[in-house]
N, C-alpha and C. Protein backbone atom coordinates (compact mmCIF):
# COMPACT_ATOMS: atom_id res chain seq x y z
N MET A 1 -5.71 -36.00 -0.95
CA MET A 1 -5.54 -34.66 -0.41
C MET A 1 -6.15 -33.67 -1.40
N PRO A 2 -7.07 -32.80 -0.93
CA PRO A 2 -7.69 -31.84 -1.85
C PRO A 2 -6.69 -30.78 -2.31
N LYS A 3 -6.87 -30.38 -3.55
CA LYS A 3 -6.01 -29.34 -4.10
C LYS A 3 -6.39 -27.99 -3.50
N THR A 4 -5.41 -27.24 -2.99
CA THR A 4 -5.70 -25.91 -2.45
C THR A 4 -5.62 -24.90 -3.57
N GLN A 5 -6.53 -23.93 -3.50
CA GLN A 5 -6.52 -22.88 -4.51
C GLN A 5 -5.42 -21.89 -4.22
N HIS A 6 -4.72 -21.49 -5.22
CA HIS A 6 -3.68 -20.47 -5.12
C HIS A 6 -4.24 -19.18 -5.69
N ARG A 7 -3.75 -18.04 -5.25
CA ARG A 7 -4.31 -16.77 -5.71
C ARG A 7 -4.19 -16.61 -7.22
N ASP A 8 -3.26 -17.34 -7.88
CA ASP A 8 -3.16 -17.28 -9.33
C ASP A 8 -4.22 -18.13 -10.01
N GLU A 9 -5.03 -18.87 -9.21
CA GLU A 9 -6.06 -19.72 -9.77
C GLU A 9 -7.40 -19.49 -9.08
N PRO A 10 -7.97 -18.30 -9.16
CA PRO A 10 -9.24 -18.06 -8.47
C PRO A 10 -10.38 -18.75 -9.18
N GLY A 11 -10.94 -19.75 -8.56
CA GLY A 11 -12.08 -20.47 -9.10
C GLY A 11 -11.78 -21.11 -10.44
N GLN A 12 -12.69 -20.96 -11.39
CA GLN A 12 -12.56 -21.55 -12.71
C GLN A 12 -11.76 -20.65 -13.65
N ALA A 13 -11.33 -19.51 -13.20
CA ALA A 13 -10.73 -18.51 -14.10
C ALA A 13 -9.35 -18.90 -14.61
N GLY A 14 -8.67 -19.83 -13.94
CA GLY A 14 -7.33 -20.21 -14.39
C GLY A 14 -6.28 -19.22 -13.91
N ARG A 15 -5.13 -19.23 -14.58
CA ARG A 15 -4.03 -18.33 -14.19
C ARG A 15 -4.36 -16.89 -14.46
N LEU A 16 -3.86 -16.05 -13.59
CA LEU A 16 -4.03 -14.61 -13.79
C LEU A 16 -3.16 -14.14 -14.93
N PRO A 17 -3.58 -13.10 -15.64
CA PRO A 17 -2.70 -12.51 -16.66
C PRO A 17 -1.39 -12.04 -16.02
N ALA A 18 -0.32 -12.04 -16.81
CA ALA A 18 1.01 -11.71 -16.30
C ALA A 18 1.05 -10.34 -15.63
N ILE A 19 0.36 -9.36 -16.20
CA ILE A 19 0.41 -8.01 -15.63
C ILE A 19 -0.16 -7.99 -14.21
N LEU A 20 -1.21 -8.78 -13.96
CA LEU A 20 -1.78 -8.84 -12.61
C LEU A 20 -0.81 -9.52 -11.64
N ARG A 21 -0.13 -10.55 -12.10
CA ARG A 21 0.85 -11.21 -11.23
C ARG A 21 2.01 -10.27 -10.91
N VAL A 22 2.44 -9.47 -11.88
CA VAL A 22 3.53 -8.51 -11.65
C VAL A 22 3.10 -7.45 -10.64
N ILE A 23 1.90 -6.92 -10.80
CA ILE A 23 1.40 -5.90 -9.87
C ILE A 23 1.27 -6.48 -8.47
N ASP A 24 0.74 -7.70 -8.36
CA ASP A 24 0.63 -8.35 -7.05
C ASP A 24 2.00 -8.53 -6.40
N ARG A 25 2.99 -8.93 -7.20
CA ARG A 25 4.34 -9.13 -6.67
C ARG A 25 4.94 -7.80 -6.21
N MET A 26 4.69 -6.75 -6.99
CA MET A 26 5.20 -5.43 -6.60
C MET A 26 4.56 -4.98 -5.28
N SER A 27 3.28 -5.28 -5.09
CA SER A 27 2.62 -4.95 -3.83
C SER A 27 3.27 -5.68 -2.66
N ASP A 28 3.66 -6.94 -2.88
CA ASP A 28 4.36 -7.70 -1.85
C ASP A 28 5.70 -7.04 -1.50
N ILE A 29 6.41 -6.59 -2.52
CA ILE A 29 7.71 -5.94 -2.30
C ILE A 29 7.52 -4.63 -1.53
N PHE A 30 6.50 -3.87 -1.91
CA PHE A 30 6.23 -2.62 -1.19
C PHE A 30 5.84 -2.90 0.26
N ALA A 31 5.12 -4.00 0.50
CA ALA A 31 4.76 -4.37 1.87
C ALA A 31 6.01 -4.68 2.68
N PHE A 32 7.00 -5.30 2.04
CA PHE A 32 8.27 -5.55 2.72
C PHE A 32 8.94 -4.21 3.08
N GLY A 33 8.86 -3.23 2.17
CA GLY A 33 9.38 -1.89 2.48
C GLY A 33 8.66 -1.27 3.66
N ALA A 34 7.34 -1.45 3.74
CA ALA A 34 6.56 -0.92 4.86
C ALA A 34 6.97 -1.61 6.16
N ALA A 35 7.19 -2.91 6.11
CA ALA A 35 7.61 -3.65 7.29
C ALA A 35 9.00 -3.18 7.75
N THR A 36 9.87 -2.91 6.79
CA THR A 36 11.21 -2.41 7.11
C THR A 36 11.10 -1.04 7.79
N ALA A 37 10.22 -0.18 7.27
CA ALA A 37 10.01 1.14 7.88
C ALA A 37 9.50 1.00 9.31
N LEU A 38 8.64 0.02 9.54
CA LEU A 38 8.12 -0.22 10.90
C LEU A 38 9.24 -0.63 11.85
N VAL A 39 10.11 -1.51 11.40
CA VAL A 39 11.24 -1.94 12.23
C VAL A 39 12.17 -0.76 12.50
N LEU A 40 12.47 0.02 11.48
CA LEU A 40 13.35 1.18 11.66
C LEU A 40 12.72 2.22 12.59
N LEU A 41 11.41 2.38 12.51
CA LEU A 41 10.71 3.28 13.44
C LEU A 41 10.89 2.79 14.87
N ALA A 42 10.69 1.49 15.09
CA ALA A 42 10.84 0.94 16.44
C ALA A 42 12.27 1.09 16.95
N VAL A 43 13.25 0.82 16.10
CA VAL A 43 14.66 0.96 16.50
C VAL A 43 14.97 2.42 16.82
N ASN A 44 14.49 3.33 15.98
CA ASN A 44 14.72 4.76 16.19
C ASN A 44 14.17 5.21 17.54
N VAL A 45 12.94 4.81 17.85
CA VAL A 45 12.31 5.20 19.12
C VAL A 45 13.01 4.51 20.29
N LEU A 46 13.40 3.24 20.11
CA LEU A 46 14.09 2.53 21.19
C LEU A 46 15.41 3.22 21.54
N ILE A 47 16.18 3.59 20.53
CA ILE A 47 17.45 4.28 20.77
C ILE A 47 17.20 5.60 21.48
N ASP A 48 16.16 6.32 21.08
CA ASP A 48 15.82 7.59 21.72
C ASP A 48 15.44 7.38 23.19
N VAL A 49 14.60 6.39 23.46
CA VAL A 49 14.14 6.14 24.84
C VAL A 49 15.30 5.68 25.72
N VAL A 50 16.12 4.77 25.23
CA VAL A 50 17.27 4.29 26.01
C VAL A 50 18.24 5.44 26.26
N GLY A 51 18.53 6.22 25.23
CA GLY A 51 19.43 7.36 25.40
C GLY A 51 18.90 8.38 26.38
N ARG A 52 17.60 8.63 26.31
CA ARG A 52 16.97 9.60 27.21
C ARG A 52 16.95 9.08 28.66
N ALA A 53 16.61 7.80 28.83
CA ALA A 53 16.45 7.24 30.18
C ALA A 53 17.76 6.94 30.88
N PHE A 54 18.74 6.38 30.15
CA PHE A 54 19.95 5.91 30.80
C PHE A 54 21.15 6.85 30.64
N PHE A 55 21.17 7.64 29.59
CA PHE A 55 22.34 8.47 29.34
C PHE A 55 22.01 9.96 29.33
N ASN A 56 20.74 10.28 29.57
CA ASN A 56 20.26 11.67 29.57
C ASN A 56 20.61 12.37 28.25
N THR A 57 20.64 11.59 27.17
CA THR A 57 20.97 12.11 25.84
C THR A 57 20.01 11.50 24.82
N PRO A 58 18.95 12.21 24.51
CA PRO A 58 18.01 11.66 23.52
C PRO A 58 18.63 11.69 22.12
N LEU A 59 18.06 10.89 21.24
CA LEU A 59 18.48 10.90 19.84
C LEU A 59 17.82 12.09 19.17
N HIS A 60 18.63 13.07 18.78
CA HIS A 60 18.08 14.28 18.18
C HIS A 60 17.43 13.96 16.84
N GLY A 61 16.27 14.54 16.61
CA GLY A 61 15.56 14.36 15.35
C GLY A 61 14.60 13.19 15.34
N THR A 62 14.41 12.51 16.48
CA THR A 62 13.52 11.34 16.50
C THR A 62 12.11 11.70 16.04
N LEU A 63 11.57 12.79 16.52
CA LEU A 63 10.22 13.20 16.12
C LEU A 63 10.17 13.48 14.62
N GLU A 64 11.18 14.17 14.10
CA GLU A 64 11.23 14.49 12.67
C GLU A 64 11.35 13.23 11.82
N TYR A 65 12.22 12.29 12.25
CA TYR A 65 12.35 11.03 11.51
C TYR A 65 11.03 10.25 11.53
N THR A 66 10.41 10.21 12.69
CA THR A 66 9.16 9.45 12.82
C THR A 66 8.06 10.03 11.95
N GLU A 67 7.86 11.34 12.02
CA GLU A 67 6.72 11.91 11.29
C GLU A 67 7.01 12.18 9.82
N ASN A 68 8.27 12.29 9.42
CA ASN A 68 8.58 12.60 8.03
C ASN A 68 9.17 11.42 7.24
N TRP A 69 9.67 10.41 7.92
CA TRP A 69 10.26 9.27 7.23
C TRP A 69 9.45 8.00 7.47
N TRP A 70 9.46 7.54 8.73
CA TRP A 70 8.96 6.20 9.02
C TRP A 70 7.45 6.06 8.86
N MET A 71 6.67 6.97 9.42
CA MET A 71 5.21 6.85 9.34
C MET A 71 4.71 6.96 7.90
N PRO A 72 5.15 7.95 7.11
CA PRO A 72 4.68 7.98 5.72
C PRO A 72 5.10 6.73 4.94
N ALA A 73 6.34 6.26 5.16
CA ALA A 73 6.80 5.08 4.44
C ALA A 73 5.97 3.86 4.81
N LEU A 74 5.73 3.68 6.09
CA LEU A 74 5.02 2.46 6.49
C LEU A 74 3.56 2.49 6.07
N THR A 75 2.92 3.64 6.04
CA THR A 75 1.53 3.67 5.62
C THR A 75 1.39 3.64 4.10
N LEU A 76 2.12 4.49 3.41
CA LEU A 76 1.93 4.59 1.96
C LEU A 76 2.43 3.36 1.21
N LEU A 77 3.43 2.69 1.74
CA LEU A 77 3.92 1.48 1.06
C LEU A 77 3.03 0.27 1.34
N ALA A 78 2.21 0.33 2.38
CA ALA A 78 1.34 -0.81 2.72
C ALA A 78 -0.04 -0.73 2.07
N PHE A 79 -0.43 0.42 1.55
CA PHE A 79 -1.78 0.56 0.98
C PHE A 79 -2.05 -0.44 -0.14
N ALA A 80 -1.13 -0.63 -1.05
CA ALA A 80 -1.35 -1.53 -2.18
C ALA A 80 -1.51 -2.97 -1.71
N PHE A 81 -0.73 -3.37 -0.72
CA PHE A 81 -0.84 -4.72 -0.16
C PHE A 81 -2.21 -4.94 0.46
N SER A 82 -2.71 -3.94 1.18
CA SER A 82 -4.06 -4.03 1.76
C SER A 82 -5.11 -4.15 0.67
N GLU A 83 -4.95 -3.41 -0.41
CA GLU A 83 -5.90 -3.49 -1.53
C GLU A 83 -5.82 -4.86 -2.19
N LYS A 84 -4.64 -5.38 -2.35
CA LYS A 84 -4.47 -6.70 -2.97
C LYS A 84 -5.26 -7.75 -2.21
N HIS A 85 -5.24 -7.67 -0.89
CA HIS A 85 -5.92 -8.66 -0.04
C HIS A 85 -7.33 -8.23 0.34
N GLN A 86 -7.81 -7.13 -0.25
CA GLN A 86 -9.16 -6.63 0.01
C GLN A 86 -9.40 -6.43 1.50
N GLU A 87 -8.44 -5.79 2.18
CA GLU A 87 -8.53 -5.57 3.61
C GLU A 87 -8.86 -4.14 3.99
N HIS A 88 -9.17 -3.31 3.00
CA HIS A 88 -9.65 -1.96 3.30
C HIS A 88 -11.10 -2.07 3.75
N ILE A 89 -11.55 -1.12 4.52
CA ILE A 89 -12.92 -1.12 4.99
C ILE A 89 -13.86 -0.84 3.83
N LYS A 90 -14.88 -1.69 3.68
CA LYS A 90 -15.88 -1.51 2.65
C LYS A 90 -17.26 -1.63 3.28
N VAL A 91 -18.16 -0.79 2.85
CA VAL A 91 -19.55 -0.89 3.27
C VAL A 91 -20.32 -1.42 2.07
N THR A 92 -20.80 -2.65 2.19
CA THR A 92 -21.40 -3.34 1.04
C THR A 92 -22.87 -3.68 1.25
N ILE A 93 -23.56 -2.93 2.08
CA ILE A 93 -24.96 -3.24 2.39
C ILE A 93 -25.79 -3.31 1.12
N LEU A 94 -25.66 -2.34 0.24
CA LEU A 94 -26.45 -2.33 -0.99
C LEU A 94 -25.95 -3.36 -1.99
N LEU A 95 -24.65 -3.55 -2.05
CA LEU A 95 -24.07 -4.49 -3.03
C LEU A 95 -24.37 -5.95 -2.69
N ASP A 96 -24.48 -6.26 -1.41
CA ASP A 96 -24.67 -7.66 -1.00
C ASP A 96 -25.95 -8.27 -1.54
N SER A 97 -26.95 -7.46 -1.82
CA SER A 97 -28.23 -8.00 -2.30
C SER A 97 -28.26 -8.18 -3.82
N LEU A 98 -27.23 -7.72 -4.52
CA LEU A 98 -27.20 -7.80 -5.98
C LEU A 98 -26.66 -9.15 -6.45
N PRO A 99 -27.04 -9.54 -7.67
CA PRO A 99 -26.41 -10.74 -8.26
C PRO A 99 -24.91 -10.50 -8.43
N LEU A 100 -24.15 -11.58 -8.42
CA LEU A 100 -22.68 -11.49 -8.45
C LEU A 100 -22.17 -10.66 -9.63
N ARG A 101 -22.66 -10.92 -10.83
CA ARG A 101 -22.14 -10.21 -12.01
C ARG A 101 -22.46 -8.72 -11.94
N MET A 102 -23.65 -8.36 -11.48
CA MET A 102 -24.00 -6.94 -11.33
C MET A 102 -23.09 -6.27 -10.30
N ARG A 103 -22.85 -6.98 -9.21
CA ARG A 103 -21.96 -6.44 -8.17
C ARG A 103 -20.55 -6.22 -8.74
N GLN A 104 -20.07 -7.18 -9.52
CA GLN A 104 -18.73 -7.04 -10.11
C GLN A 104 -18.67 -5.83 -11.04
N LEU A 105 -19.70 -5.62 -11.83
CA LEU A 105 -19.72 -4.48 -12.75
C LEU A 105 -19.78 -3.15 -12.00
N ILE A 106 -20.56 -3.09 -10.94
CA ILE A 106 -20.65 -1.85 -10.15
C ILE A 106 -19.32 -1.59 -9.45
N GLU A 107 -18.77 -2.61 -8.79
CA GLU A 107 -17.48 -2.41 -8.11
C GLU A 107 -16.37 -2.08 -9.10
N GLY A 108 -16.40 -2.69 -10.27
CA GLY A 108 -15.42 -2.36 -11.30
C GLY A 108 -15.55 -0.93 -11.78
N SER A 109 -16.79 -0.45 -11.93
CA SER A 109 -17.02 0.94 -12.36
C SER A 109 -16.50 1.92 -11.32
N PHE A 110 -16.78 1.65 -10.06
CA PHE A 110 -16.24 2.51 -9.02
C PHE A 110 -14.72 2.40 -8.95
N GLY A 111 -14.19 1.24 -9.27
CA GLY A 111 -12.74 1.06 -9.34
C GLY A 111 -12.13 1.95 -10.41
N LEU A 112 -12.78 2.03 -11.57
CA LEU A 112 -12.29 2.92 -12.64
C LEU A 112 -12.25 4.37 -12.17
N LEU A 113 -13.32 4.79 -11.51
CA LEU A 113 -13.36 6.16 -10.98
C LEU A 113 -12.24 6.38 -9.96
N THR A 114 -12.03 5.41 -9.12
CA THR A 114 -10.97 5.51 -8.11
C THR A 114 -9.59 5.60 -8.77
N VAL A 115 -9.37 4.81 -9.80
CA VAL A 115 -8.08 4.84 -10.52
C VAL A 115 -7.85 6.22 -11.11
N ILE A 116 -8.88 6.80 -11.71
CA ILE A 116 -8.74 8.15 -12.30
C ILE A 116 -8.40 9.18 -11.23
N LEU A 117 -9.11 9.13 -10.10
CA LEU A 117 -8.82 10.07 -9.01
C LEU A 117 -7.41 9.86 -8.45
N LEU A 118 -7.01 8.61 -8.29
CA LEU A 118 -5.67 8.33 -7.76
C LEU A 118 -4.57 8.71 -8.74
N MET A 119 -4.85 8.65 -10.04
CA MET A 119 -3.85 9.11 -11.01
C MET A 119 -3.62 10.61 -10.82
N GLY A 120 -4.68 11.36 -10.58
CA GLY A 120 -4.53 12.79 -10.30
C GLY A 120 -3.75 13.03 -9.02
N LEU A 121 -4.06 12.25 -7.98
CA LEU A 121 -3.34 12.39 -6.71
C LEU A 121 -1.87 12.01 -6.88
N THR A 122 -1.60 10.99 -7.67
CA THR A 122 -0.21 10.58 -7.94
C THR A 122 0.54 11.71 -8.63
N TRP A 123 -0.09 12.31 -9.63
CA TRP A 123 0.53 13.42 -10.35
C TRP A 123 0.83 14.59 -9.40
N TYR A 124 -0.15 14.94 -8.58
CA TYR A 124 0.04 16.05 -7.63
C TYR A 124 1.15 15.73 -6.64
N THR A 125 1.16 14.51 -6.11
CA THR A 125 2.17 14.12 -5.13
C THR A 125 3.56 14.09 -5.77
N LEU A 126 3.64 13.60 -6.99
CA LEU A 126 4.93 13.58 -7.69
C LEU A 126 5.41 15.01 -7.97
N SER A 127 4.53 15.89 -8.40
CA SER A 127 4.92 17.29 -8.64
C SER A 127 5.44 17.94 -7.38
N SER A 128 4.74 17.72 -6.28
CA SER A 128 5.18 18.28 -4.99
C SER A 128 6.52 17.69 -4.57
N GLY A 129 6.69 16.38 -4.77
CA GLY A 129 7.96 15.74 -4.43
C GLY A 129 9.12 16.24 -5.27
N LEU A 130 8.88 16.43 -6.56
CA LEU A 130 9.95 16.94 -7.43
C LEU A 130 10.32 18.37 -7.08
N GLU A 131 9.32 19.18 -6.75
CA GLU A 131 9.60 20.56 -6.32
C GLU A 131 10.41 20.56 -5.03
N SER A 132 10.01 19.70 -4.10
CA SER A 132 10.73 19.57 -2.83
C SER A 132 12.17 19.10 -3.07
N ALA A 133 12.34 18.17 -4.01
CA ALA A 133 13.69 17.65 -4.32
C ALA A 133 14.55 18.71 -4.98
N SER A 134 13.93 19.62 -5.73
CA SER A 134 14.71 20.62 -6.45
C SER A 134 15.46 21.56 -5.49
N TYR A 135 14.93 21.76 -4.29
CA TYR A 135 15.66 22.59 -3.33
C TYR A 135 16.04 21.82 -2.06
N ARG A 136 16.01 20.48 -2.17
CA ARG A 136 16.45 19.60 -1.08
C ARG A 136 15.80 19.99 0.25
N GLN A 137 14.48 19.96 0.30
CA GLN A 137 13.71 20.38 1.47
C GLN A 137 14.08 19.57 2.71
N THR A 138 14.24 20.28 3.82
CA THR A 138 14.53 19.66 5.12
C THR A 138 13.58 20.23 6.16
N THR A 139 13.59 19.63 7.33
CA THR A 139 12.82 20.17 8.45
C THR A 139 13.55 21.38 9.03
N ALA A 140 12.84 22.14 9.83
CA ALA A 140 13.45 23.32 10.45
C ALA A 140 14.16 22.98 11.75
N GLY A 141 14.00 21.75 12.24
CA GLY A 141 14.58 21.36 13.52
C GLY A 141 16.08 21.17 13.48
N HIS A 142 16.62 20.80 14.65
CA HIS A 142 18.05 20.55 14.76
C HIS A 142 18.25 19.10 15.15
N PRO A 143 18.91 18.29 14.40
CA PRO A 143 19.51 18.57 13.10
C PRO A 143 18.42 18.61 12.02
N PRO A 144 18.69 19.32 10.94
CA PRO A 144 17.70 19.32 9.85
C PRO A 144 17.62 17.92 9.23
N VAL A 145 16.40 17.48 8.99
CA VAL A 145 16.16 16.14 8.44
C VAL A 145 15.61 16.30 7.03
N ALA A 146 16.25 15.67 6.07
CA ALA A 146 15.80 15.74 4.68
C ALA A 146 14.44 15.06 4.55
N ILE A 147 13.46 15.77 3.99
CA ILE A 147 12.14 15.16 3.81
C ILE A 147 11.80 14.96 2.33
N TRP A 148 12.58 15.54 1.44
CA TRP A 148 12.26 15.42 0.02
C TRP A 148 12.29 13.97 -0.49
N PRO A 149 13.20 13.08 -0.02
CA PRO A 149 13.15 11.71 -0.55
C PRO A 149 11.84 10.99 -0.21
N PHE A 150 11.29 11.31 0.95
CA PHE A 150 10.08 10.63 1.36
C PHE A 150 8.84 11.24 0.72
N LYS A 151 8.94 12.47 0.23
CA LYS A 151 7.86 13.02 -0.58
C LYS A 151 7.81 12.30 -1.93
N LEU A 152 8.97 11.96 -2.46
CA LEU A 152 9.02 11.17 -3.69
C LEU A 152 8.54 9.74 -3.42
N LEU A 153 8.89 9.20 -2.27
CA LEU A 153 8.42 7.87 -1.89
C LEU A 153 6.90 7.85 -1.76
N ALA A 154 6.33 8.94 -1.28
CA ALA A 154 4.86 9.04 -1.18
C ALA A 154 4.23 8.92 -2.56
N ALA A 155 4.81 9.58 -3.54
CA ALA A 155 4.29 9.50 -4.92
C ALA A 155 4.38 8.07 -5.44
N ILE A 156 5.46 7.39 -5.12
CA ILE A 156 5.63 6.00 -5.56
C ILE A 156 4.59 5.10 -4.88
N GLY A 157 4.35 5.34 -3.59
CA GLY A 157 3.36 4.55 -2.86
C GLY A 157 1.95 4.75 -3.41
N VAL A 158 1.59 5.99 -3.71
CA VAL A 158 0.26 6.27 -4.28
C VAL A 158 0.15 5.68 -5.68
N ALA A 159 1.24 5.74 -6.45
CA ALA A 159 1.23 5.13 -7.78
C ALA A 159 1.03 3.62 -7.69
N MET A 160 1.66 2.98 -6.71
CA MET A 160 1.49 1.53 -6.54
C MET A 160 0.06 1.21 -6.13
N LEU A 161 -0.52 2.02 -5.27
CA LEU A 161 -1.93 1.82 -4.90
C LEU A 161 -2.82 1.95 -6.14
N THR A 162 -2.52 2.92 -6.98
CA THR A 162 -3.28 3.12 -8.22
C THR A 162 -3.20 1.87 -9.10
N LEU A 163 -2.00 1.32 -9.25
CA LEU A 163 -1.83 0.10 -10.05
C LEU A 163 -2.60 -1.08 -9.44
N GLN A 164 -2.54 -1.20 -8.12
CA GLN A 164 -3.22 -2.33 -7.48
C GLN A 164 -4.73 -2.20 -7.59
N ILE A 165 -5.26 -0.98 -7.48
CA ILE A 165 -6.70 -0.79 -7.65
C ILE A 165 -7.09 -1.04 -9.11
N ALA A 166 -6.22 -0.67 -10.04
CA ALA A 166 -6.48 -0.98 -11.45
C ALA A 166 -6.52 -2.49 -11.65
N ALA A 167 -5.63 -3.21 -10.99
CA ALA A 167 -5.62 -4.68 -11.09
C ALA A 167 -6.90 -5.25 -10.48
N THR A 168 -7.33 -4.73 -9.34
CA THR A 168 -8.57 -5.17 -8.72
C THR A 168 -9.76 -4.89 -9.63
N THR A 169 -9.75 -3.73 -10.27
CA THR A 169 -10.83 -3.35 -11.18
C THR A 169 -10.88 -4.31 -12.37
N LEU A 170 -9.72 -4.64 -12.91
CA LEU A 170 -9.68 -5.60 -14.02
C LEU A 170 -10.21 -6.96 -13.57
N ARG A 171 -9.82 -7.37 -12.38
CA ARG A 171 -10.33 -8.63 -11.84
C ARG A 171 -11.86 -8.60 -11.72
N GLN A 172 -12.39 -7.44 -11.27
CA GLN A 172 -13.85 -7.32 -11.13
C GLN A 172 -14.51 -7.50 -12.49
N PHE A 173 -14.02 -6.79 -13.51
CA PHE A 173 -14.63 -6.87 -14.83
C PHE A 173 -14.49 -8.25 -15.46
N LEU A 174 -13.38 -8.92 -15.18
CA LEU A 174 -13.15 -10.26 -15.75
C LEU A 174 -13.78 -11.37 -14.91
N GLY A 175 -14.36 -10.99 -13.76
CA GLY A 175 -14.95 -12.01 -12.88
C GLY A 175 -13.90 -12.89 -12.24
N MET A 176 -12.73 -12.32 -11.96
CA MET A 176 -11.61 -13.10 -11.42
C MET A 176 -11.29 -12.76 -9.96
N MET A 177 -12.20 -12.08 -9.28
CA MET A 177 -11.93 -11.77 -7.88
C MET A 177 -11.95 -13.06 -7.08
N PRO A 178 -10.95 -13.28 -6.24
CA PRO A 178 -10.95 -14.50 -5.43
C PRO A 178 -12.10 -14.47 -4.43
N THR A 179 -12.62 -15.62 -4.13
CA THR A 179 -13.68 -15.72 -3.13
C THR A 179 -13.06 -15.61 -1.75
N ALA A 180 -13.90 -15.41 -0.74
CA ALA A 180 -13.40 -15.33 0.64
C ALA A 180 -12.71 -16.64 1.01
N ARG A 181 -13.22 -17.77 0.50
CA ARG A 181 -12.63 -19.07 0.79
C ARG A 181 -11.21 -19.16 0.22
N SER A 182 -11.01 -18.69 -1.02
CA SER A 182 -9.68 -18.80 -1.62
C SER A 182 -8.69 -17.84 -0.95
N LEU A 183 -9.19 -16.70 -0.45
CA LEU A 183 -8.29 -15.79 0.27
C LEU A 183 -7.84 -16.43 1.58
N ASP A 184 -8.77 -17.12 2.27
CA ASP A 184 -8.39 -17.81 3.51
C ASP A 184 -7.39 -18.91 3.23
N THR A 185 -7.60 -19.66 2.16
CA THR A 185 -6.68 -20.74 1.79
C THR A 185 -5.32 -20.17 1.44
N ASP A 186 -5.31 -19.02 0.73
CA ASP A 186 -4.06 -18.38 0.35
C ASP A 186 -3.28 -17.94 1.58
N ALA A 187 -3.97 -17.46 2.61
CA ALA A 187 -3.29 -17.03 3.83
C ALA A 187 -2.62 -18.23 4.51
N ASP A 188 -3.24 -19.41 4.38
CA ASP A 188 -2.63 -20.61 4.96
C ASP A 188 -1.37 -21.03 4.22
N ILE A 189 -1.31 -20.73 2.92
CA ILE A 189 -0.15 -21.10 2.10
C ILE A 189 1.07 -20.30 2.52
N VAL A 190 0.87 -19.01 2.78
CA VAL A 190 1.98 -18.12 3.13
C VAL A 190 2.45 -18.50 4.49
């Protein structure tokens, strides 16, 4: 039976450094949080629809919960997981013609730039979240829905994306990016 490659063993590179394994695991945990937000969104909407259709009593605040809690949580917590699996949209027309090492260096350089920009976005999002938390910001609707916790969650999600892109950048520079074949094999393991 042939040995299947695990994501901790991309090609000849051996085991990933501990920090990369920790970041990858954190991305998995955040993806679980995104999945939980998706389930809660579905339950929230289901209760609203059933209440509206059968009891003529909708669940008040469904729109506010959906747009201020569930959608931001499910998108922002899933970004790092998508980056980990390289499932974001990439246009690689120019890169595809380059030798592998040159491509890794170029993608790593752009990764560094992205990390710097995302660190700024994380700082801005955290500042906004802390300001919102200082006065316990809520929606103007009835009932008022607290939105400040999810502004802080947004900062955490962007910070996790920043860490995962930093991990991807390190992999690029070290030549440890998994091949398409190892990613497919890894999906079979899960």
